[in-house]
Amino acid sequence: MADNIINGMHGCSQEDQYVRPADPVIQQRLEWFQDQKLAFMMHFGIYSELGLCESWPLSDEDAAWSRGGVDWEQDPAVFRSQYVNLNKSFNPIRLQPEVWADVAARNGFKYLIFTTKHHDGFCLFDTKYTDYKVTSPDCPFHTHRHANIAKDVFDAFRARGLGIAAYFSKPDWHCPWYWAEGMDRPVGAWRNPTYRPQEHPELWNRFVEFTHNQLMELVEDYGRIDILWLDGGQVGPQNGQDIRLSELMARARKVQPWLLSADRTIGGENENYITPEQSVPTGPIRVPWESCITVGTAFSYRFDERYKTPRELVHLLIDVVCRGGNLALNVAPQPDGRLPAPAVRAVDGLGAWLRANGEAIYGTRLAEPNESGPVAFTKKGDVHYALVRLPEGEPLRETLFIPWPGEVSRLTLIDAEAPLRFERAEGGLRIRLPEILRGSNPLAPVFRMEK
């Protein structure tokens, strides 16, 4: 992932390039995916120790935006050496996967997206194919009861009923067959291989085998996985970096036939859903999609972070869902393994709202219209919902206008059964609000509209 935010559809391919899977099992799983609506995303790794952007500072071509927090070292080679050796100090001894899972489960998250490996190549699982991993003897955490972090995290979240997405970086900047020494470009010059794969097929094929081996480890040895969430969009056939992903997915689905593949920004048969990053599309997308957005300002932990308020999170979720997508909300653990208390308070606020109003979120689909001004609409079968994104400090009055053009015979506040009085007005409905709501400023009141 990258921390820089770009307006629009950064981090995703276009809707018109989407290839709908032919496999009926995968089609069914995409329906499951679209029902979930809310993912608990976690970026965690050696970069967390420094409160630094994840992995990207290793690449010189990305230095202008990614090394803003590097104020102690000017020499890129020295900095890279310091960064790479963070595995020797990585020791999140206060990590409790069950606490992470409890936070997610109690607040209405439905699936986990967890970084098994980021671009820097440091693995949070006990891979057999590199020693650059959390379970190696040179990593102080290797003696901890949760040393195989990904396994224990997956198990904890599964135990609470959440789905599992294994985040895996296709580029691996620690792998000697990707950033190979003595080639066309020096190690660290840019995010791509140091050589042209077509000119050095022996190197490239070793890298592809390495990548396949690690992904199959996750599929075969780490329990049920619902999604392979593959980051690093430069690694794809369009850039001459073909890792033969279709071949890998065919092998993986022999083990887990239900596996979805999120091959980000690549398009084609292995991008089963598209993934805007740090942005929400301005209008509906009519194929499966998921916006990955941070609860703070960055995907990795920052020591001086500003976290979104519960109101901001509720409105963000409504924005995404009313336009047909899922929200992957990233909560980055601290270096010691705990979740930041301000982040937990923010998602607790979101969870409280969902406990009362989740009916209008989970399992819904695009309504027509899907929004008008501050009011968003979703639907579930013949029932429609109006979700009102109230600004901070703007109290409700005696009546509220809902710009809904459709037929309505019964209208209720979602967490109450008594019908509300309303009348047809030009362009919509005018609702008479109950006394309990007047003068209040809820995060987003929700109304159920039945024909």
Protein backbone atom coordinates (compact mmCIF):
# COMPACT_ATOMS: atom_id res chain seq x y z
CA MET A 1 0.00 0.00 0.00
CA ALA A 2 0.98 3.63 -0.37
CA ASP A 3 0.15 6.42 2.06
CA ASN A 4 -0.18 9.19 -0.49
CA ILE A 5 -3.84 9.92 -1.22
CA ILE A 6 -4.87 10.62 -4.79
CA ASN A 7 -8.38 11.74 -5.62
CA GLY A 8 -10.51 9.51 -7.77
CA MET A 9 -9.89 5.83 -8.34
CA HIS A 10 -6.27 5.46 -7.17
CA GLY A 11 -5.40 1.83 -6.63
CA CYS A 12 -7.99 0.25 -8.88
CA SER A 13 -8.59 -0.67 -12.48
CA GLN A 14 -11.60 0.60 -14.37
CA GLU A 15 -15.10 -0.81 -14.11
CA ASP A 16 -15.29 -1.30 -17.88
CA GLN A 17 -12.16 -3.50 -17.75
CA TYR A 18 -13.67 -5.87 -15.21
CA VAL A 19 -13.83 -9.53 -16.22
CA ARG A 20 -16.65 -11.37 -14.50
CA PRO A 21 -15.46 -14.81 -13.35
CA ALA A 22 -16.91 -17.74 -15.28
CA ASP A 23 -16.64 -20.18 -12.37
CA PRO A 24 -20.06 -20.41 -10.65
CA VAL A 25 -18.35 -21.08 -7.29
CA ILE A 26 -16.42 -17.81 -7.55
CA GLN A 27 -19.58 -15.99 -8.68
CA GLN A 28 -21.32 -17.26 -5.54
CA ARG A 29 -18.41 -16.20 -3.36
CA LEU A 30 -18.57 -12.70 -4.83
CA GLU A 31 -22.17 -12.51 -3.65
CA TRP A 32 -20.89 -13.47 -0.19
CA PHE A 33 -18.20 -10.80 -0.49
CA GLN A 34 -20.72 -8.12 -1.43
CA ASP A 35 -22.84 -9.01 1.60
CA GLN A 36 -20.00 -8.42 4.09
CA LYS A 37 -19.53 -4.64 3.65
CA LEU A 38 -16.86 -4.09 6.31
CA ALA A 39 -13.31 -5.45 6.58
CA PHE A 40 -10.77 -5.02 9.37
CA MET A 41 -7.52 -4.29 7.53
CA MET A 42 -4.17 -4.39 9.33
CA HIS A 43 -0.72 -3.28 8.15
CA PHE A 44 1.90 -4.60 10.56
CA GLY A 45 5.59 -5.24 10.06
CA ILE A 46 9.11 -4.06 10.77
CA TYR A 47 8.18 -0.58 9.51
CA SER A 48 5.85 -0.27 12.53
CA GLU A 49 8.92 0.06 14.77
CA LEU A 50 9.82 3.41 13.20
CA GLY A 51 6.30 4.75 12.67
CA LEU A 52 7.30 4.97 9.02
CA CYS A 53 5.57 4.45 5.70
CA GLU A 54 5.43 0.73 4.99
CA SER A 55 8.28 -0.52 2.75
CA TRP A 56 8.20 2.28 0.19
CA PRO A 57 11.15 4.29 1.60
CA LEU A 58 13.40 1.46 0.39
CA SER A 59 12.77 2.55 -3.22
CA ASP A 60 14.71 5.60 -4.40
CA GLU A 61 12.13 6.44 -7.06
CA ASP A 62 9.50 6.73 -4.32
CA ALA A 63 11.68 8.66 -1.89
CA ALA A 64 10.10 12.07 -2.54
CA TRP A 65 6.80 11.05 -0.96
CA SER A 66 7.74 8.06 1.22
CA ARG A 67 10.79 9.29 3.15
CA GLY A 68 9.20 12.31 4.74
CA GLY A 69 9.72 10.82 8.19
CA VAL A 70 13.36 9.86 7.61
CA ASP A 71 15.19 12.73 9.31
CA TRP A 72 18.18 10.90 10.77
CA GLU A 73 19.95 9.58 7.68
CA GLN A 74 20.57 11.10 4.25
CA ASP A 75 22.48 8.26 2.60
CA PRO A 76 19.93 5.91 0.96
CA ALA A 77 22.25 2.90 1.19
CA VAL A 78 22.81 3.41 4.91
CA PHE A 79 19.10 3.93 5.47
CA ARG A 80 18.25 0.73 3.56
CA SER A 81 20.74 -1.22 5.68
CA GLN A 82 19.17 0.19 8.85
CA TYR A 83 15.67 -0.64 7.63
CA VAL A 84 16.47 -4.16 6.46
CA ASN A 85 17.99 -4.96 9.86
CA LEU A 86 14.81 -4.01 11.73
CA ASN A 87 14.00 -7.72 11.77
CA LYS A 88 16.63 -8.00 14.51
CA SER A 89 14.68 -5.69 16.81
CA PHE A 90 11.08 -6.58 15.88
CA ASN A 91 9.54 -7.73 19.17
CA PRO A 92 5.81 -6.90 19.66
CA ILE A 93 5.62 -8.75 22.97
CA ARG A 94 2.21 -7.29 23.88
CA LEU A 95 0.56 -8.78 20.80
CA GLN A 96 -2.69 -10.58 21.67
CA PRO A 97 -4.47 -11.78 18.51
CA GLU A 98 -7.64 -12.56 20.44
CA VAL A 99 -7.87 -8.92 21.57
CA TRP A 100 -7.55 -7.73 17.97
CA ALA A 101 -10.26 -10.20 16.95
CA ASP A 102 -12.55 -9.11 19.79
CA VAL A 103 -12.29 -5.46 18.73
CA ALA A 104 -13.23 -6.40 15.17
CA ALA A 105 -16.02 -8.80 16.05
CA ARG A 106 -17.79 -6.60 18.59
CA ASN A 107 -17.80 -3.67 16.14
CA GLY A 108 -19.39 -5.42 13.19
CA PHE A 109 -16.40 -6.18 11.00
CA LYS A 110 -17.00 -9.26 8.84
CA TYR A 111 -13.60 -10.19 7.42
CA LEU A 112 -9.91 -9.55 8.08
CA ILE A 113 -7.24 -8.38 5.64
CA PHE A 114 -3.83 -8.99 7.21
CA THR A 115 -0.32 -8.36 5.86
CA THR A 116 1.50 -11.69 5.68
CA LYS A 117 4.27 -9.94 3.73
CA HIS A 118 4.75 -6.40 2.46
CA HIS A 119 7.12 -5.20 -0.28
CA ASP A 120 10.12 -5.23 2.06
CA GLY A 121 9.86 -9.04 2.05
CA PHE A 122 9.71 -9.54 5.84
CA CYS A 123 7.27 -12.39 6.45
CA LEU A 124 4.85 -12.55 9.36
CA PHE A 125 4.41 -16.28 8.77
CA ASP A 126 6.72 -19.24 9.19
CA THR A 127 7.68 -19.65 5.53
CA LYS A 128 10.20 -22.31 4.52
CA TYR A 129 11.52 -20.26 1.62
CA THR A 130 13.34 -17.38 3.32
CA ASP A 131 14.96 -16.69 6.67
CA TYR A 132 13.70 -13.10 6.55
CA LYS A 133 10.75 -13.90 8.76
CA VAL A 134 9.36 -13.39 12.22
CA THR A 135 10.18 -16.96 13.28
CA SER A 136 13.90 -16.80 12.46
CA PRO A 137 16.40 -16.96 15.34
CA ASP A 138 17.70 -13.46 14.52
CA CYS A 139 14.23 -11.99 15.24
CA PRO A 140 13.73 -11.61 19.01
CA PHE A 141 10.02 -12.36 18.67
CA HIS A 142 10.70 -15.91 17.47
CA THR A 143 10.42 -17.29 21.04
CA HIS A 144 7.01 -15.72 21.70
CA ARG A 145 3.94 -17.96 21.90
CA HIS A 146 2.46 -16.03 18.94
CA ALA A 147 5.68 -16.04 16.90
CA ASN A 148 3.87 -17.37 13.81
CA ILE A 149 1.84 -14.18 13.77
CA ALA A 150 -0.27 -14.74 10.67
CA LYS A 151 -1.35 -18.22 11.78
CA ASP A 152 -2.43 -17.12 15.24
CA VAL A 153 -4.14 -13.98 13.94
CA PHE A 154 -6.05 -15.96 11.30
CA ASP A 155 -7.10 -18.52 13.92
CA ALA A 156 -8.29 -15.84 16.35
CA PHE A 157 -10.40 -14.03 13.75
CA ARG A 158 -11.84 -17.26 12.36
CA ALA A 159 -12.85 -18.29 15.88
CA ARG A 160 -15.02 -15.16 16.03
CA GLY A 161 -16.68 -15.87 12.70
CA LEU A 162 -14.73 -13.48 10.48
CA GLY A 163 -13.55 -14.31 6.98
CA ILE A 164 -9.84 -14.23 6.16
CA ALA A 165 -8.02 -12.33 3.42
CA ALA A 166 -4.27 -12.94 3.23
CA TYR A 167 -2.53 -9.75 2.09
CA PHE A 168 0.59 -10.76 0.15
CA SER A 169 3.02 -8.51 -1.71
CA LYS A 170 3.94 -9.83 -5.16
CA PRO A 171 7.11 -7.70 -5.36
CA ASP A 172 9.64 -8.79 -2.76
CA TRP A 173 12.50 -6.33 -2.35
CA HIS A 174 14.45 -8.68 -0.10
CA CYS A 175 14.38 -11.55 -2.57
CA PRO A 176 17.72 -11.95 -4.43
CA TRP A 177 15.82 -12.93 -7.56
CA TYR A 178 13.82 -9.68 -7.66
CA TRP A 179 16.26 -7.03 -6.48
CA ALA A 180 19.27 -8.95 -7.79
CA GLU A 181 22.78 -7.58 -7.29
CA GLY A 182 25.03 -6.58 -10.21
CA MET A 183 22.29 -6.10 -12.79
CA ASP A 184 21.04 -3.23 -14.98
CA ARG A 185 19.99 -1.07 -12.03
CA PRO A 186 21.38 -0.93 -8.50
CA VAL A 187 19.37 -2.50 -5.68
CA GLY A 188 16.87 0.03 -4.35
CA ALA A 189 16.87 2.28 -7.41
CA TRP A 190 13.18 1.67 -8.10
CA ARG A 191 10.24 -0.56 -7.24
CA ASN A 192 10.73 -2.98 -10.15
CA PRO A 193 13.31 -5.75 -10.66
CA THR A 194 16.92 -4.68 -11.14
CA TYR A 195 16.89 -6.51 -14.49
CA ARG A 196 14.58 -7.11 -17.45
CA PRO A 197 12.82 -10.43 -16.84
CA GLN A 198 12.79 -11.22 -20.56
CA GLU A 199 16.58 -10.92 -20.68
CA HIS A 200 17.18 -12.98 -17.52
CA PRO A 201 14.51 -15.70 -17.53
CA GLU A 202 16.55 -17.87 -15.18
CA LEU A 203 16.32 -15.20 -12.45
CA TRP A 204 12.70 -14.40 -13.14
CA ASN A 205 11.62 -18.03 -13.13
CA ARG A 206 13.30 -18.55 -9.75
CA PHE A 207 11.37 -15.55 -8.43
CA VAL A 208 8.09 -16.88 -9.82
CA GLU A 209 8.73 -20.28 -8.21
CA PHE A 210 9.56 -18.56 -4.90
CA THR A 211 6.30 -16.55 -5.07
CA HIS A 212 4.20 -19.60 -5.92
CA ASN A 213 5.79 -21.58 -3.12
CA GLN A 214 5.00 -18.94 -0.51
CA LEU A 215 1.43 -18.45 -1.66
CA MET A 216 0.81 -22.21 -1.64
CA GLU A 217 2.17 -22.34 1.91
CA LEU A 218 -0.52 -19.89 2.96
CA VAL A 219 -3.22 -21.82 1.09
CA GLU A 220 -2.17 -25.26 2.34
CA ASP A 221 -0.95 -24.62 5.89
CA TYR A 222 -2.91 -21.67 7.33
CA GLY A 223 -6.50 -22.87 7.43
CA ARG A 224 -9.45 -21.62 5.44
CA ILE A 225 -8.65 -18.47 3.49
CA ASP A 226 -11.41 -16.61 1.68
CA ILE A 227 -9.36 -14.11 -0.33
CA LEU A 228 -5.81 -13.83 -1.63
CA TRP A 229 -5.29 -10.05 -1.50
CA LEU A 230 -2.35 -9.44 -3.83
CA ASP A 231 -0.64 -6.06 -3.71
CA GLY A 232 2.06 -4.62 -5.96
CA GLY A 233 0.37 -3.70 -9.23
CA GLN A 234 3.66 -3.29 -11.07
CA VAL A 235 4.03 -7.08 -11.01
CA GLY A 236 1.92 -8.17 -13.92
CA PRO A 237 2.11 -9.15 -17.59
CA GLN A 238 1.52 -5.55 -18.64
CA ASN A 239 4.98 -4.65 -17.27
CA GLY A 240 6.76 -7.77 -18.45
CA GLN A 241 6.55 -9.24 -14.93
CA ASP A 242 4.31 -12.24 -15.47
CA ILE A 243 4.19 -14.39 -12.32
CA ARG A 244 1.77 -16.82 -14.01
CA LEU A 245 -0.97 -16.03 -11.53
CA SER A 246 -3.67 -17.97 -13.36
CA GLU A 247 -1.53 -21.08 -13.00
CA LEU A 248 -1.10 -20.38 -9.28
CA MET A 249 -4.81 -19.75 -8.72
CA ALA A 250 -5.70 -23.03 -10.45
CA ARG A 251 -3.39 -24.86 -8.01
CA ALA A 252 -4.71 -22.93 -5.03
CA ARG A 253 -8.37 -23.58 -5.90
CA LYS A 254 -7.73 -27.31 -5.96
CA VAL A 255 -7.05 -26.90 -2.24
CA GLN A 256 -9.58 -24.13 -1.48
CA PRO A 257 -12.10 -23.94 -4.37
CA TRP A 258 -13.84 -20.86 -2.91
CA LEU A 259 -10.76 -18.60 -3.02
CA LEU A 260 -11.30 -15.10 -4.34
CA SER A 261 -8.35 -13.34 -5.95
CA ALA A 262 -7.87 -9.59 -5.60
CA ASP A 263 -4.97 -9.01 -8.01
CA ARG A 264 -4.95 -5.27 -7.51
CA THR A 265 -4.92 -2.87 -10.50
CA ILE A 266 -4.12 -5.63 -13.00
CA GLY A 267 -7.55 -6.33 -14.47
CA GLY A 268 -8.42 -9.63 -16.09
CA GLU A 269 -9.59 -12.90 -14.65
CA ASN A 270 -7.65 -12.67 -11.38
CA GLU A 271 -8.94 -9.30 -10.24
CA ASN A 272 -12.21 -10.64 -8.90
CA TYR A 273 -13.01 -7.27 -7.35
CA ILE A 274 -11.46 -3.84 -7.70
CA THR A 275 -9.85 -1.88 -4.89
CA PRO A 276 -9.75 1.92 -4.80
CA GLU A 277 -7.15 3.05 -2.27
CA GLN A 278 -7.57 5.97 0.18
CA SER A 279 -10.50 7.19 -1.91
CA VAL A 280 -14.19 6.65 -2.45
CA PRO A 281 -15.59 6.71 -6.00
CA THR A 282 -17.86 9.67 -6.61
CA GLY A 283 -20.66 7.48 -7.94
CA PRO A 284 -21.85 3.88 -8.08
CA ILE A 285 -19.63 1.06 -9.35
CA ARG A 286 -21.65 -1.86 -10.64
CA VAL A 287 -19.03 -4.55 -10.23
CA PRO A 288 -17.69 -5.91 -6.91
CA TRP A 289 -15.33 -3.42 -5.22
CA GLU A 290 -13.75 -2.49 -1.91
CA SER A 291 -12.21 0.83 -0.81
CA CYS A 292 -9.19 0.41 1.48
CA ILE A 293 -9.05 3.48 3.72
CA THR A 294 -7.23 4.21 6.97
CA VAL A 295 -8.77 4.97 10.36
CA GLY A 296 -5.94 7.50 10.71
CA THR A 297 -3.94 9.11 7.91
CA ALA A 298 -1.60 6.22 7.07
CA PHE A 299 -1.69 2.45 6.59
CA SER A 300 1.23 1.82 8.95
CA TYR A 301 1.43 2.96 12.56
CA ARG A 302 2.41 6.61 13.16
CA PHE A 303 3.41 8.00 16.53
CA ASP A 304 1.64 11.34 16.01
CA GLU A 305 -1.50 10.18 14.26
CA ARG A 306 -4.88 11.87 13.81
CA TYR A 307 -7.71 9.38 13.87
CA LYS A 308 -11.10 9.82 12.27
CA THR A 309 -14.09 10.41 14.51
CA PRO A 310 -16.96 7.94 14.77
CA ARG A 311 -19.09 10.33 12.72
CA GLU A 312 -16.46 10.42 9.97
CA LEU A 313 -16.26 6.62 9.97
CA VAL A 314 -20.03 6.15 9.85
CA HIS A 315 -20.36 8.61 6.96
CA LEU A 316 -17.42 6.97 5.18
CA LEU A 317 -19.06 3.55 5.46
CA ILE A 318 -22.35 4.96 4.18
CA ASP A 319 -20.57 6.65 1.25
CA VAL A 320 -18.99 3.34 0.24
CA VAL A 321 -22.00 1.08 0.75
CA CYS A 322 -24.52 3.34 -0.99
CA ARG A 323 -22.25 3.31 -4.05
CA GLY A 324 -22.15 -0.49 -4.08
CA GLY A 325 -18.89 -1.30 -2.32
CA ASN A 326 -17.24 -2.65 0.80
CA LEU A 327 -15.08 -0.64 3.19
CA ALA A 328 -11.73 -2.09 4.26
CA LEU A 329 -10.89 0.06 7.27
CA ASN A 330 -7.19 -0.11 8.14
CA VAL A 331 -6.24 -0.13 11.83
CA ALA A 332 -2.46 -0.30 12.28
CA PRO A 333 -1.03 -1.89 15.46
CA GLN A 334 1.61 -0.18 17.56
CA PRO A 335 5.20 -1.52 17.66
CA ASP A 336 4.42 -3.36 20.91
CA GLY A 337 1.50 -5.22 19.28
CA ARG A 338 -1.39 -3.32 20.86
CA LEU A 339 -4.02 -1.43 18.89
CA PRO A 340 -3.84 2.34 19.46
CA ALA A 341 -6.48 3.35 22.03
CA PRO A 342 -7.76 6.33 19.96
CA ALA A 343 -8.26 4.04 16.96
CA VAL A 344 -10.18 1.55 19.09
CA ARG A 345 -12.40 4.32 20.46
CA ALA A 346 -13.17 5.44 16.92
CA VAL A 347 -14.14 1.96 15.70
CA ASP A 348 -16.12 1.39 18.90
CA GLY A 349 -18.19 4.40 17.89
CA LEU A 350 -18.72 2.93 14.44
CA GLY A 351 -19.64 -0.39 16.00
CA ALA A 352 -22.23 1.17 18.30
CA TRP A 353 -23.93 2.75 15.29
CA LEU A 354 -23.83 -0.55 13.37
CA ARG A 355 -25.44 -2.45 16.22
CA ALA A 356 -28.49 -0.22 15.84
CA ASN A 357 -28.40 0.33 12.08
CA GLY A 358 -26.55 -2.59 10.49
CA GLU A 359 -29.74 -3.81 8.82
CA ALA A 360 -29.31 -0.94 6.31
CA ILE A 361 -25.68 -1.93 5.61
CA TYR A 362 -25.07 -5.70 5.61
CA GLY A 363 -26.42 -7.70 2.69
CA THR A 364 -27.69 -4.62 0.86
CA ARG A 365 -27.29 -3.69 -2.78
CA LEU A 366 -27.36 -0.53 -4.88
CA ALA A 367 -30.61 1.38 -4.74
CA GLU A 368 -31.95 3.60 -7.50
CA PRO A 369 -31.35 6.43 -6.77
CA ASN A 370 -28.42 5.61 -4.51
CA GLU A 371 -28.06 9.05 -2.91
CA SER A 372 -29.22 12.64 -3.05
CA GLY A 373 -27.40 15.31 -1.10
CA PRO A 374 -26.81 14.18 2.49
CA VAL A 375 -29.22 11.25 2.18
CA ALA A 376 -27.97 7.87 0.98
CA PHE A 377 -30.11 4.90 -0.01
CA THR A 378 -29.59 1.15 0.09
CA LYS A 379 -31.94 -1.75 -0.51
CA LYS A 380 -32.53 -5.34 0.57
CA GLY A 381 -35.16 -7.05 -1.54
CA ASP A 382 -38.20 -4.75 -1.70
CA VAL A 383 -37.20 -2.78 1.41
CA HIS A 384 -35.28 0.46 0.98
CA TYR A 385 -33.33 2.41 3.58
CA ALA A 386 -32.61 6.12 3.87
CA LEU A 387 -29.39 6.96 5.73
CA VAL A 388 -29.00 10.61 6.64
CA ARG A 389 -25.38 11.82 6.99
CA LEU A 390 -25.86 14.58 9.56
CA PRO A 391 -23.05 17.13 9.93
CA GLU A 392 -21.54 17.66 13.36
CA GLY A 393 -23.58 20.15 15.39
CA GLU A 394 -26.64 20.18 13.11
CA PRO A 395 -29.66 19.15 15.23
CA LEU A 396 -32.72 17.46 13.83
CA ARG A 397 -35.89 19.51 13.72
CA GLU A 398 -39.57 18.60 13.88
CA THR A 399 -39.63 17.31 10.31
CA LEU A 400 -37.07 15.84 7.92
CA PHE A 401 -37.20 15.75 4.13
CA ILE A 402 -36.14 12.51 2.39
CA PRO A 403 -35.69 12.92 -1.39
CA TRP A 404 -37.07 9.48 -2.25
CA PRO A 405 -39.21 9.27 -5.41
CA GLY A 406 -40.44 5.70 -4.91
CA GLU A 407 -43.64 4.35 -3.44
CA VAL A 408 -43.76 4.06 0.37
CA SER A 409 -46.67 2.77 2.47
CA ARG A 410 -44.88 2.32 5.79
CA LEU A 411 -41.90 4.20 7.21
CA THR A 412 -40.11 3.43 10.47
CA LEU A 413 -36.98 4.47 12.29
CA ILE A 414 -34.74 1.43 11.86
CA ASP A 415 -34.27 0.65 15.54
CA ALA A 416 -37.95 1.19 16.41
CA GLU A 417 -41.06 -0.59 15.20
CA ALA A 418 -43.65 2.17 15.56
CA PRO A 419 -44.42 3.71 12.14
CA LEU A 420 -43.69 7.39 11.60
CA ARG A 421 -46.08 9.90 10.12
CA PHE A 422 -45.05 11.21 6.71
CA GLU A 423 -46.53 12.90 3.68
CA ARG A 424 -45.61 13.07 0.04
CA ALA A 425 -43.90 16.37 -0.79
CA GLU A 426 -42.45 17.62 -4.04
CA GLY A 427 -39.54 15.33 -4.90
CA GLY A 428 -39.79 13.13 -1.84
CA LEU A 429 -41.21 12.54 1.62
CA ARG A 430 -41.57 14.81 4.62
CA ILE A 431 -41.26 12.83 7.84
CA ARG A 432 -42.56 13.94 11.21
CA LEU A 433 -39.83 12.97 13.67
CA PRO A 434 -40.54 11.54 17.13
CA GLU A 435 -39.88 13.76 20.13
CA ILE A 436 -36.85 11.71 21.16
CA LEU A 437 -34.98 12.73 18.00
CA ARG A 438 -35.85 16.43 17.88
CA GLY A 439 -32.95 18.65 18.83
CA SER A 440 -30.50 15.74 18.79
CA ASN A 441 -27.51 15.27 16.48
CA PRO A 442 -27.16 11.52 15.85
CA LEU A 443 -24.31 10.29 13.65
CA ALA A 444 -26.70 9.16 10.91
CA PRO A 445 -30.36 8.35 11.54
CA VAL A 446 -31.68 5.54 9.34
CA PHE A 447 -35.23 5.00 8.09
CA ARG A 448 -36.78 1.82 6.73
CA MET A 449 -39.14 2.40 3.78
CA GLU A 450 -41.56 -0.35 2.78
CA LYS A 451 -43.92 -0.37 -0.17
